[in-house]
C-alpha atoms as a PDB file:
ATOM      1  CA  MET A   1     -19.891 -15.234   2.548  1.00  0.00           C
ATOM      2  CA  ALA A   2     -22.147 -12.924   0.514  1.00  0.00           C
ATOM      3  CA  ARG A   3     -22.072 -10.268   3.263  1.00  0.00           C
ATOM      4  CA  LEU A   4     -18.284 -10.417   3.366  1.00  0.00           C
ATOM      5  CA  GLU A   5     -18.088 -10.144  -0.419  1.00  0.00           C
ATOM      6  CA  ALA A   6     -20.423  -7.128  -0.361  1.00  0.00           C
ATOM      7  CA  VAL A   7     -18.294  -5.389   2.272  1.00  0.00           C
ATOM      8  CA  LEU A   8     -15.144  -6.022   0.237  1.00  0.00           C
ATOM      9  CA  LEU A   9     -16.847  -4.775  -2.925  1.00  0.00           C
ATOM     10  CA  VAL A  10     -17.759  -1.356  -1.540  1.00  0.00           C
ATOM     11  CA  SER A  11     -14.700  -0.776   0.647  1.00  0.00           C
ATOM     12  CA  ASP A  12     -12.213   1.676  -0.840  1.00  0.00           C
ATOM     13  CA  VAL A  13      -9.439   0.735   1.615  1.00  0.00           C
ATOM     14  CA  ALA A  14      -7.970  -2.516   2.891  1.00  0.00           C
ATOM     15  CA  GLN A  15      -9.900  -3.804   5.907  1.00  0.00           C
ATOM     16  CA  SER A  16      -8.437  -5.880   8.728  1.00  0.00           C
ATOM     17  CA  PRO A  17      -9.951  -9.338   9.313  1.00  0.00           C
ATOM     18  CA  ARG A  18     -11.419  -8.092  12.609  1.00  0.00           C
ATOM     19  CA  ARG A  19     -13.050  -5.111  10.903  1.00  0.00           C
ATOM     20  CA  LEU A  20     -14.387  -7.343   8.117  1.00  0.00           C
ATOM     21  CA  ALA A  21     -15.912  -9.623  10.756  1.00  0.00           C
ATOM     22  CA  GLN A  22     -17.602  -6.614  12.394  1.00  0.00           C
ATOM     23  CA  LEU A  23     -18.917  -5.170   9.133  1.00  0.00           C
ATOM     24  CA  ALA A  24     -20.179  -8.496   7.772  1.00  0.00           C
ATOM     25  CA  THR A  25     -21.467  -9.608  11.214  1.00  0.00           C
ATOM     26  CA  LEU A  26     -19.240 -12.685  11.329  1.00  0.00           C
ATOM     27  CA  ALA A  27     -18.168 -14.558  14.454  1.00  0.00           C
ATOM     28  CA  ASP A  28     -14.546 -13.380  14.456  1.00  0.00           C
ATOM     29  CA  ALA A  29     -11.463 -12.602  12.383  1.00  0.00           C
ATOM     30  CA  THR A  30     -10.737 -16.309  11.881  1.00  0.00           C
ATOM     31  CA  GLU A  31     -14.104 -16.785  10.197  1.00  0.00           C
ATOM     32  CA  ALA A  32     -13.376 -13.764   7.984  1.00  0.00           C
ATOM     33  CA  ARG A  33     -10.031 -15.269   6.876  1.00  0.00           C
ATOM     34  CA  THR A  34     -11.676 -18.655   6.249  1.00  0.00           C
ATOM     35  CA  LEU A  35     -14.382 -17.062   4.115  1.00  0.00           C
ATOM     36  CA  ILE A  36     -11.773 -15.056   2.198  1.00  0.00           C
ATOM     37  CA  GLY A  37     -10.081 -18.341   1.310  1.00  0.00           C
ATOM     38  CA  ARG A  38     -13.413 -19.767   0.151  1.00  0.00           C
ATOM     39  CA  LEU A  39     -14.175 -16.635  -1.882  1.00  0.00           C
ATOM     40  CA  ASN A  40     -10.804 -16.822  -3.625  1.00  0.00           C
ATOM     41  CA  ALA A  41     -11.330 -20.531  -4.360  1.00  0.00           C
ATOM     42  CA  ALA A  42     -14.741 -19.723  -5.866  1.00  0.00           C
ATOM     43  CA  TYR A  43     -13.274 -16.867  -7.920  1.00  0.00           C
ATOM     44  CA  GLU A  44     -10.474 -19.101  -9.188  1.00  0.00           C
ATOM     45  CA  SER A  45     -12.792 -21.968 -10.128  1.00  0.00           C
ATOM     46  CA  ALA A  46     -15.067 -19.540 -11.984  1.00  0.00           C
ATOM     47  CA  ALA A  47     -12.085 -17.845 -13.701  1.00  0.00           C
ATOM     48  CA  ALA A  48     -13.263 -14.539 -12.233  1.00  0.00           C
ATOM     49  CA  PRO A  49     -11.239 -11.419 -13.062  1.00  0.00           C
ATOM     50  CA  PHE A  50     -10.743 -10.537  -9.409  1.00  0.00           C
ATOM     51  CA  ARG A  51      -9.667 -11.928  -6.043  1.00  0.00           C
ATOM     52  CA  VAL A  52      -9.276 -10.860  -2.437  1.00  0.00           C
ATOM     53  CA  GLU A  53      -5.676  -9.877  -1.702  1.00  0.00           C
ATOM     54  CA  ARG A  54      -3.869  -9.098   1.511  1.00  0.00           C
ATOM     55  CA  ILE A  55      -2.628  -5.527   1.237  1.00  0.00           C
ATOM     56  CA  ALA A  56      -0.810  -3.737   4.073  1.00  0.00           C
ATOM     57  CA  ALA A  57      -2.645  -4.727   7.257  1.00  0.00           C
ATOM     58  CA  GLY A  58      -5.897  -5.844   5.656  1.00  0.00           C
ATOM     59  CA  TYR A  59      -7.737  -7.361   2.711  1.00  0.00           C
ATOM     60  CA  ARG A  60      -9.102  -5.792  -0.445  1.00  0.00           C
ATOM     61  CA  LEU A  61     -11.066  -7.007  -3.453  1.00  0.00           C
ATOM     62  CA  LEU A  62      -8.898  -6.300  -6.509  1.00  0.00           C
ATOM     63  CA  THR A  63      -9.052  -7.103 -10.175  1.00  0.00           C
ATOM     64  CA  LEU A  64      -6.255  -9.192 -11.606  1.00  0.00           C
ATOM     65  CA  PRO A  65      -3.324  -7.237 -13.071  1.00  0.00           C
ATOM     66  CA  GLN A  66      -3.902  -8.503 -16.620  1.00  0.00           C
ATOM     67  CA  PHE A  67      -7.135  -6.465 -16.767  1.00  0.00           C
ATOM     68  CA  ALA A  68      -5.520  -3.133 -15.836  1.00  0.00           C
ATOM     69  CA  PHE A  69      -5.215  -1.979 -19.465  1.00  0.00           C
ATOM     70  CA  TRP A  70      -8.949  -2.300 -20.171  1.00  0.00           C
ATOM     71  CA  LEU A  71     -10.006  -0.910 -16.817  1.00  0.00           C
ATOM     72  CA  GLY A  72      -7.712   2.059 -17.373  1.00  0.00           C
ATOM     73  CA  LYS A  73      -9.929   2.986 -20.318  1.00  0.00           C
ATOM     74  CA  LEU A  74     -12.938   3.179 -18.004  1.00  0.00           C
ATOM     75  CA  HIS A  75     -11.470   5.849 -15.781  1.00  0.00           C
ATOM     76  CA  SER A  76      -8.165   7.630 -15.528  1.00  0.00           C
ATOM     77  CA  ARG A  77      -6.612   5.841 -12.585  1.00  0.00           C
ATOM     78  CA  ASP A  78      -3.219   7.354 -13.396  1.00  0.00           C
ATOM     79  CA  ALA A  79      -4.512  10.787 -12.403  1.00  0.00           C
ATOM     80  CA  GLU A  80      -5.047   9.532  -8.820  1.00  0.00           C
ATOM     81  CA  LEU A  81      -1.360   9.092  -8.144  1.00  0.00           C
ATOM     82  CA  LYS A  82       0.849  10.606 -10.791  1.00  0.00           C
ATOM     83  CA  LEU A  83       4.429  10.862  -9.551  1.00  0.00           C
ATOM     84  CA  SER A  84       7.180  12.681 -11.391  1.00  0.00           C
ATOM     85  CA  ASP A  85      10.466  10.848 -11.924  1.00  0.00           C
ATOM     86  CA  PRO A  86      12.215  12.826  -9.140  1.00  0.00           C
ATOM     87  CA  ALA A  87       9.343  12.119  -6.732  1.00  0.00           C
ATOM     88  CA  LEU A  88       9.421   8.428  -7.618  1.00  0.00           C
ATOM     89  CA  GLU A  89      13.198   8.316  -7.119  1.00  0.00           C
ATOM     90  CA  THR A  90      12.845  10.004  -3.722  1.00  0.00           C
ATOM     91  CA  LEU A  91      10.057   7.619  -2.726  1.00  0.00           C
ATOM     92  CA  THR A  92      12.201   4.665  -3.761  1.00  0.00           C
ATOM     93  CA  VAL A  93      15.111   5.826  -1.609  1.00  0.00           C
ATOM     94  CA  ILE A  94      12.794   6.298   1.374  1.00  0.00           C
ATOM     95  CA  ALA A  95      11.102   2.920   0.860  1.00  0.00           C
ATOM     96  CA  TYR A  96      14.350   0.974   0.704  1.00  0.00           C
ATOM     97  CA  ARG A  97      16.385   2.946   3.261  1.00  0.00           C
ATOM     98  CA  GLN A  98      13.784   3.908   5.846  1.00  0.00           C
ATOM     99  CA  PRO A  99      13.941   5.371   8.346  1.00  0.00           C
ATOM    100  CA  VAL A 100      16.111   7.896   6.524  1.00  0.00           C
ATOM    101  CA  THR A 101      17.023  11.571   6.918  1.00  0.00           C
ATOM    102  CA  ARG A 102      16.632  14.147   4.151  1.00  0.00           C
ATOM    103  CA  ALA A 103      20.432  14.521   4.050  1.00  0.00           C
ATOM    104  CA  ASP A 104      20.791  10.770   3.426  1.00  0.00           C
ATOM    105  CA  ILE A 105      18.217  10.930   0.611  1.00  0.00           C
ATOM    106  CA  GLU A 106      20.071  13.856  -0.956  1.00  0.00           C
ATOM    107  CA  ALA A 107      23.415  12.026  -0.646  1.00  0.00           C
ATOM    108  CA  ILE A 108      21.968   9.039  -2.523  1.00  0.00           C
ATOM    109  CA  ARG A 109      20.117  11.044  -5.184  1.00  0.00           C
ATOM    110  CA  GLY A 110      22.778  13.731  -5.520  1.00  0.00           C
ATOM    111  CA  VAL A 111      20.237  16.559  -5.587  1.00  0.00           C
ATOM    112  CA  GLN A 112      18.198  18.586  -3.122  1.00  0.00           C
ATOM    113  CA  CYS A 113      14.923  16.801  -2.303  1.00  0.00           C
ATOM    114  CA  SER A 114      12.981  18.795   0.305  1.00  0.00           C
ATOM    115  CA  GLU A 115      10.237  19.696  -2.187  1.00  0.00           C
ATOM    116  CA  MET A 116       9.890  16.056  -3.291  1.00  0.00           C
ATOM    117  CA  VAL A 117       9.620  14.877   0.330  1.00  0.00           C
ATOM    118  CA  LYS A 118       6.993  17.572   0.975  1.00  0.00           C
ATOM    119  CA  GLN A 119       4.942  16.399  -2.047  1.00  0.00           C
ATOM    120  CA  LEU A 120       5.166  12.766  -0.951  1.00  0.00           C
ATOM    121  CA  MET A 121       3.994  13.732   2.523  1.00  0.00           C
ATOM    122  CA  GLU A 122       1.061  15.690   1.059  1.00  0.00           C
ATOM    123  CA  LEU A 123       0.090  12.593  -0.940  1.00  0.00           C
ATOM    124  CA  GLY A 124       0.183  10.539   2.254  1.00  0.00           C
ATOM    125  CA  LEU A 125       2.910   8.210   0.975  1.00  0.00           C
ATOM    126  CA  VAL A 126       5.620   9.379   3.398  1.00  0.00           C
ATOM    127  CA  ARG A 127       5.522  10.544   7.012  1.00  0.00           C
ATOM    128  CA  ILE A 128       7.912  11.700   9.703  1.00  0.00           C
ATOM    129  CA  GLY A 129       8.790   8.619  11.715  1.00  0.00           C
ATOM    130  CA  GLY A 130      10.919  10.236  14.413  1.00  0.00           C
ATOM    131  CA  GLU A 131      14.160  12.122  14.825  1.00  0.00           C
ATOM    132  CA  ASP A 132      17.732  10.991  14.222  1.00  0.00           C
ATOM    133  CA  ASP A 133      20.215  11.092  17.107  1.00  0.00           C
ATOM    134  CA  SER A 134      22.733  13.032  15.011  1.00  0.00           C
ATOM    135  CA  LEU A 135      23.567  16.742  15.278  1.00  0.00           C
ATOM    136  CA  GLY A 136      20.496  18.915  14.822  1.00  0.00           C
ATOM    137  CA  ARG A 137      18.132  15.967  15.361  1.00  0.00           C
ATOM    138  CA  PRO A 138      16.904  15.802  11.734  1.00  0.00           C
ATOM    139  CA  PHE A 139      13.588  14.136  10.961  1.00  0.00           C
ATOM    140  CA  LEU A 140      13.521  10.503   9.885  1.00  0.00           C
ATOM    141  CA  TYR A 141      11.199   9.744   6.981  1.00  0.00           C
ATOM    142  CA  GLU A 142       9.356   6.486   6.352  1.00  0.00           C
ATOM    143  CA  THR A 143       6.595   5.198   4.111  1.00  0.00           C
ATOM    144  CA  THR A 144       2.972   4.914   5.224  1.00  0.00           C
ATOM    145  CA  ARG A 145       0.300   2.264   5.024  1.00  0.00           C
ATOM    146  CA  ARG A 146      -1.095   4.202   2.063  1.00  0.00           C
ATOM    147  CA  PHE A 147       2.221   3.596   0.253  1.00  0.00           C
ATOM    148  CA  LEU A 148       1.803  -0.153   0.749  1.00  0.00           C
ATOM    149  CA  GLU A 149      -1.782  -0.067  -0.489  1.00  0.00           C
ATOM    150  CA  ASN A 150      -1.011   2.095  -3.527  1.00  0.00           C
ATOM    151  CA  PHE A 151       1.735  -0.247  -4.636  1.00  0.00           C
ATOM    152  CA  GLY A 152      -0.081  -3.459  -3.694  1.00  0.00           C
ATOM    153  CA  LEU A 153       2.439  -4.580  -1.060  1.00  0.00           C
ATOM    154  CA  ARG A 154       1.748  -6.633   2.061  1.00  0.00           C
ATOM    155  CA  ASP A 155       4.805  -5.214   3.803  1.00  0.00           C
ATOM    156  CA  LEU A 156       8.198  -3.707   2.981  1.00  0.00           C
ATOM    157  CA  ASP A 157       9.731  -7.129   2.403  1.00  0.00           C
ATOM    158  CA  ASP A 158       7.563  -7.382  -0.741  1.00  0.00           C
ATOM    159  CA  LEU A 159       9.577  -4.607  -2.408  1.00  0.00           C
ATOM    160  CA  PRO A 160      11.505  -5.943  -5.423  1.00  0.00           C
ATOM    161  CA  LEU A 161      14.996  -7.084  -4.354  1.00  0.00           C
ATOM    162  CA  ALA A 162      14.219  -5.967  -0.798  1.00  0.00           C
ATOM    163  CA  HIS A 163      16.650  -8.481   0.690  1.00  0.00           C
ATOM    164  CA  LYS A 164      19.501  -6.974  -1.349  1.00  0.00           C
ATOM    165  CA  LEU A 165      18.633  -3.277  -1.368  1.00  0.00           C
ATOM    166  CA  ARG A 166      17.167  -2.631   2.078  1.00  0.00           C
ATOM    167  CA  ARG A 167      19.527  -1.354   4.734  1.00  0.00           C
ATOM    168  CA  PRO A 168      20.339  -3.940   7.418  1.00  0.00           C
ATOM    169  CA  GLY A 169      18.349  -3.068  10.515  1.00  0.00           C
ATOM    170  CA  GLY A 170      15.924  -0.920   8.484  1.00  0.00           C
ATOM    171  CA  ALA A 171      12.221  -0.894   9.259  1.00  0.00           C
ATOM    172  CA  ALA A 172      10.677  -4.289   8.577  1.00  0.00           C
ATOM    173  CA  MET A 173       7.246  -3.653  10.025  1.00  0.00           C
ATOM    174  CA  PRO A 174       4.456  -2.147   7.949  1.00  0.00           C
ATOM    175  CA  PRO A 175       3.415   1.382   8.881  1.00  0.00           C
ATOM    176  CA  SER A 176       0.699   1.792  11.485  1.00  0.00           C
ATOM    177  CA  PRO A 177      -2.975   1.319  10.547  1.00  0.00           C
ATOM    178  CA  ALA A 178      -3.647   4.909  11.591  1.00  0.00           C
ATOM    179  CA  ASP A 179      -2.172   6.101   8.295  1.00  0.00           C
ATOM    180  CA  GLY A 180      -4.444   7.111   5.480  1.00  0.00           C
ATOM    181  CA  ALA A 181      -5.188   4.658   2.698  1.00  0.00           C
ATOM    182  CA  GLN A 182      -6.156   4.867  -0.930  1.00  0.00           C
ATOM    183  CA  PRO A 183      -6.793   2.462  -3.819  1.00  0.00           C
ATOM    184  CA  GLY A 184      -3.880   0.403  -5.091  1.00  0.00           C
ATOM    185  CA  SER A 185      -1.953   1.260  -8.222  1.00  0.00           C
ATOM    186  CA  THR A 186      -0.589  -2.126  -9.237  1.00  0.00           C
ATOM    187  CA  THR A 187      -4.021  -3.718  -9.478  1.00  0.00           C
ATOM    188  CA  GLU A 188      -7.348  -2.086 -10.034  1.00  0.00           C
ATOM    189  CA  PRO A 189      -9.677  -1.857  -7.018  1.00  0.00           C
ATOM    190  CA  LEU A 190     -12.986  -3.461  -7.869  1.00  0.00           C
ATOM    191  CA  GLY A 191     -14.876  -0.872  -5.835  1.00  0.00           C
ATOM    192  CA  LYS A 192     -13.827   1.792  -8.330  1.00  0.00           C
ATOM    193  CA  ILE A 193     -15.591  -0.015 -11.199  1.00  0.00           C
ATOM    194  CA  ALA A 194     -19.074  -0.072  -9.714  1.00  0.00           C
END
């Protein structure tokens, strides 16, 4: 359990149970999940300020949200992922309506958004997920695994009011593990403290 905890402590991205088992030299992914449950029980009984959470396709050691204010004083986490209001609006449309074309985003927002989409792609939050079958074969945009990790989501169904706001037949699977990943923004990654 100590090896697993050490791996989680230094990892700056969510790790799959299989990868955790490899890194901590455990028998298999099932043992990793079992030990994660035991770690969380130990943290809870000790009233620890952190726990292991499932984020995107893996697990990550995170501090509890109620400590974000004090940890924010330690380092400027906001500088890691500072989104303007237009970028956040564009990201929201993509997250809830994906896969979505730029024209669909612009129809919802009412303004041109190519620069916002470009910025979101540079940040690794959005990617091209294919092409639409309509005239001109425009690109379809979707969120990445990094998006899930930054916002502390297991999958797209964890979005607030997802069942009401997501388009029927929209993407329900989390983005592929090949996407980049970065520390979460809804809870503070413990690895950043050390």
